Amino acid sequence: MPVRFDLTLTLFLGIPITAIIVLWLLRKESVLSLPGEEIWECEICLGVYIAPEGEKVTRCPFCGSYNKKQEARI
């Protein structure tokens, strides 16, 4: 039985690419879903840190400055 080049190439590239995309999507979802916590960015040093959800003012663990929760801008 002859091996078809187009089918072989499709399987050789398609399966790993599909697996990488699925793993990336699963990882991205798990990083963004932090129950009870929010991701903050310091206004002074631009450091990114996690703080409890619902906090209006937090303190940056990197530079010690206080950060106020910004409302969404349109």
N, C-alpha and C. Protein backbone atom coordinates (compact mmCIF):
# COMPACT_ATOMS: atom_id res chain seq x y z
N MET A 1 0.85 -1.17 0.00
CA MET A 1 0.00 0.00 0.00
C MET A 1 0.89 1.24 0.00
N PRO A 2 0.75 2.10 -0.97
CA PRO A 2 1.58 3.30 -1.04
C PRO A 2 1.16 4.33 0.01
N VAL A 3 2.14 5.06 0.50
CA VAL A 3 1.91 6.11 1.50
C VAL A 3 1.64 7.42 0.77
N ARG A 4 0.51 8.03 1.07
CA ARG A 4 0.18 9.30 0.44
C ARG A 4 0.90 10.43 1.16
N PHE A 5 1.62 11.24 0.39
CA PHE A 5 2.42 12.31 0.98
C PHE A 5 1.55 13.37 1.63
N ASP A 6 0.45 13.77 1.00
CA ASP A 6 -0.39 14.82 1.56
C ASP A 6 -1.05 14.40 2.87
N LEU A 7 -1.48 13.16 2.96
CA LEU A 7 -2.08 12.66 4.19
C LEU A 7 -1.04 12.57 5.30
N THR A 8 0.14 12.09 4.97
CA THR A 8 1.22 11.97 5.94
C THR A 8 1.61 13.35 6.48
N LEU A 9 1.75 14.32 5.59
CA LEU A 9 2.12 15.68 6.01
C LEU A 9 1.03 16.30 6.87
N THR A 10 -0.22 16.09 6.50
CA THR A 10 -1.34 16.63 7.27
C THR A 10 -1.36 16.05 8.68
N LEU A 11 -1.20 14.75 8.79
CA LEU A 11 -1.18 14.12 10.11
C LEU A 11 0.05 14.50 10.91
N PHE A 12 1.20 14.57 10.25
CA PHE A 12 2.45 14.89 10.92
C PHE A 12 2.44 16.30 11.49
N LEU A 13 1.82 17.24 10.80
CA LEU A 13 1.76 18.62 11.28
C LEU A 13 0.46 18.93 12.02
N GLY A 14 -0.63 18.35 11.59
CA GLY A 14 -1.93 18.68 12.16
C GLY A 14 -2.13 18.24 13.60
N ILE A 15 -1.71 17.04 13.92
CA ILE A 15 -1.91 16.52 15.27
C ILE A 15 -1.10 17.31 16.31
N PRO A 16 0.19 17.55 16.11
CA PRO A 16 0.93 18.34 17.11
C PRO A 16 0.44 19.78 17.23
N ILE A 17 0.09 20.40 16.11
CA ILE A 17 -0.39 21.78 16.17
C ILE A 17 -1.72 21.85 16.93
N THR A 18 -2.60 20.91 16.68
CA THR A 18 -3.88 20.86 17.40
C THR A 18 -3.64 20.64 18.89
N ALA A 19 -2.74 19.76 19.24
CA ALA A 19 -2.43 19.50 20.65
C ALA A 19 -1.87 20.74 21.33
N ILE A 20 -1.00 21.45 20.65
CA ILE A 20 -0.41 22.68 21.22
C ILE A 20 -1.48 23.73 21.45
N ILE A 21 -2.37 23.90 20.50
CA ILE A 21 -3.44 24.90 20.65
C ILE A 21 -4.37 24.53 21.80
N VAL A 22 -4.74 23.27 21.91
CA VAL A 22 -5.63 22.84 22.99
C VAL A 22 -4.95 23.04 24.34
N LEU A 23 -3.69 22.66 24.47
CA LEU A 23 -2.97 22.85 25.73
C LEU A 23 -2.83 24.32 26.08
N TRP A 24 -2.57 25.16 25.09
CA TRP A 24 -2.45 26.60 25.32
C TRP A 24 -3.77 27.18 25.82
N LEU A 25 -4.88 26.77 25.22
CA LEU A 25 -6.18 27.27 25.65
C LEU A 25 -6.51 26.82 27.07
N LEU A 26 -6.18 25.60 27.42
CA LEU A 26 -6.43 25.11 28.77
C LEU A 26 -5.57 25.86 29.78
N ARG A 27 -4.32 26.11 29.45
CA ARG A 27 -3.42 26.84 30.34
C ARG A 27 -3.89 28.27 30.52
N LYS A 28 -4.30 28.91 29.43
CA LYS A 28 -4.74 30.29 29.49
C LYS A 28 -5.97 30.42 30.39
N GLU A 29 -6.90 29.48 30.30
CA GLU A 29 -8.10 29.52 31.13
C GLU A 29 -7.75 29.35 32.60
N SER A 30 -6.82 28.46 32.91
CA SER A 30 -6.47 28.23 34.31
C SER A 30 -5.73 29.41 34.91
N VAL A 31 -4.97 30.14 34.12
CA VAL A 31 -4.26 31.31 34.63
C VAL A 31 -5.23 32.45 34.92
N LEU A 32 -6.24 32.59 34.08
CA LEU A 32 -7.17 33.69 34.24
C LEU A 32 -8.23 33.43 35.30
N SER A 33 -8.47 32.22 35.66
CA SER A 33 -9.51 31.92 36.64
C SER A 33 -8.89 31.74 38.01
N LEU A 34 -8.87 32.82 38.77
CA LEU A 34 -8.36 32.79 40.13
C LEU A 34 -9.52 33.05 41.08
N PRO A 35 -10.07 32.03 41.68
CA PRO A 35 -11.23 32.24 42.55
C PRO A 35 -10.88 33.07 43.77
N GLY A 36 -11.59 34.18 43.94
CA GLY A 36 -11.38 35.03 45.11
C GLY A 36 -10.17 35.94 45.01
N GLU A 37 -9.53 36.00 43.87
CA GLU A 37 -8.35 36.86 43.72
C GLU A 37 -8.42 37.64 42.42
N GLU A 38 -7.73 38.77 42.39
CA GLU A 38 -7.66 39.60 41.19
C GLU A 38 -6.21 39.90 40.86
N ILE A 39 -5.96 40.14 39.59
CA ILE A 39 -4.62 40.52 39.15
C ILE A 39 -4.54 42.03 39.13
N TRP A 40 -3.51 42.60 39.75
CA TRP A 40 -3.30 44.04 39.82
C TRP A 40 -1.99 44.40 39.14
N GLU A 41 -1.91 45.61 38.63
CA GLU A 41 -0.66 46.14 38.09
C GLU A 41 -0.35 47.44 38.82
N CYS A 42 0.85 47.53 39.38
CA CYS A 42 1.27 48.70 40.13
C CYS A 42 1.39 49.91 39.20
N GLU A 43 0.86 51.05 39.64
CA GLU A 43 0.93 52.27 38.84
C GLU A 43 2.33 52.88 38.83
N ILE A 44 3.14 52.56 39.82
CA ILE A 44 4.48 53.14 39.94
C ILE A 44 5.54 52.28 39.25
N CYS A 45 5.67 51.03 39.69
CA CYS A 45 6.75 50.18 39.16
C CYS A 45 6.28 49.23 38.06
N LEU A 46 4.97 49.21 37.78
CA LEU A 46 4.36 48.33 36.77
C LEU A 46 4.49 46.85 37.08
N GLY A 47 4.76 46.52 38.33
CA GLY A 47 4.81 45.13 38.75
C GLY A 47 3.41 44.53 38.77
N VAL A 48 3.28 43.27 38.46
CA VAL A 48 2.00 42.57 38.44
C VAL A 48 1.94 41.65 39.65
N TYR A 49 0.84 41.74 40.40
CA TYR A 49 0.69 40.92 41.60
C TYR A 49 -0.77 40.53 41.79
N ILE A 50 -1.02 39.62 42.72
CA ILE A 50 -2.36 39.11 43.00
C ILE A 50 -2.80 39.64 44.36
N ALA A 51 -4.06 40.10 44.43
CA ALA A 51 -4.63 40.59 45.68
C ALA A 51 -6.03 40.00 45.83
N PRO A 52 -6.54 39.96 47.07
CA PRO A 52 -7.89 39.43 47.28
C PRO A 52 -8.94 40.22 46.50
N GLU A 53 -9.95 39.53 46.04
CA GLU A 53 -11.01 40.15 45.25
C GLU A 53 -11.82 41.10 46.12
N GLY A 54 -12.21 42.23 45.56
CA GLY A 54 -13.03 43.20 46.27
C GLY A 54 -12.24 44.29 46.97
N GLU A 55 -10.93 44.19 47.01
CA GLU A 55 -10.11 45.23 47.63
C GLU A 55 -10.13 46.48 46.76
N LYS A 56 -10.28 47.64 47.37
CA LYS A 56 -10.27 48.89 46.60
C LYS A 56 -8.88 49.50 46.56
N VAL A 57 -8.10 49.26 47.60
CA VAL A 57 -6.73 49.77 47.67
C VAL A 57 -5.84 48.61 48.11
N THR A 58 -4.74 48.40 47.38
CA THR A 58 -3.78 47.36 47.75
C THR A 58 -2.39 47.96 47.78
N ARG A 59 -1.47 47.23 48.36
CA ARG A 59 -0.08 47.68 48.44
C ARG A 59 0.78 46.77 47.58
N CYS A 60 1.59 47.38 46.73
CA CYS A 60 2.46 46.63 45.83
C CYS A 60 3.53 45.90 46.64
N PRO A 61 3.70 44.60 46.43
CA PRO A 61 4.73 43.87 47.16
C PRO A 61 6.14 44.17 46.68
N PHE A 62 6.28 44.82 45.54
CA PHE A 62 7.60 45.10 44.97
C PHE A 62 8.16 46.44 45.44
N CYS A 63 7.35 47.52 45.34
CA CYS A 63 7.85 48.85 45.67
C CYS A 63 7.18 49.43 46.90
N GLY A 64 6.10 48.81 47.38
CA GLY A 64 5.44 49.26 48.60
C GLY A 64 4.43 50.39 48.39
N SER A 65 4.20 50.83 47.18
CA SER A 65 3.25 51.91 46.94
C SER A 65 1.82 51.38 46.99
N TYR A 66 0.88 52.28 47.30
CA TYR A 66 -0.52 51.93 47.36
C TYR A 66 -1.15 52.13 45.99
N ASN A 67 -2.03 51.22 45.60
CA ASN A 67 -2.70 51.28 44.31
C ASN A 67 -4.20 51.24 44.52
N LYS A 68 -4.89 52.15 43.82
CA LYS A 68 -6.34 52.22 43.88
C LYS A 68 -6.92 51.52 42.66
N LYS A 69 -8.03 50.81 42.87
CA LYS A 69 -8.68 50.10 41.76
C LYS A 69 -9.21 51.11 40.76
N GLN A 70 -8.81 50.94 39.50
CA GLN A 70 -9.24 51.84 38.43
C GLN A 70 -10.53 51.33 37.82
N GLU A 71 -11.44 52.23 37.52
CA GLU A 71 -12.65 51.87 36.81
C GLU A 71 -12.32 51.63 35.36
N ALA A 72 -13.09 50.80 34.70
CA ALA A 72 -12.86 50.50 33.28
C ALA A 72 -13.09 51.75 32.45
N ARG A 73 -12.15 52.04 31.58
CA ARG A 73 -12.26 53.19 30.69
C ARG A 73 -12.69 52.73 29.32
N ILE A 74 -13.54 53.53 28.70
CA ILE A 74 -14.01 53.18 27.34
C ILE A 74 -13.35 54.07 26.32
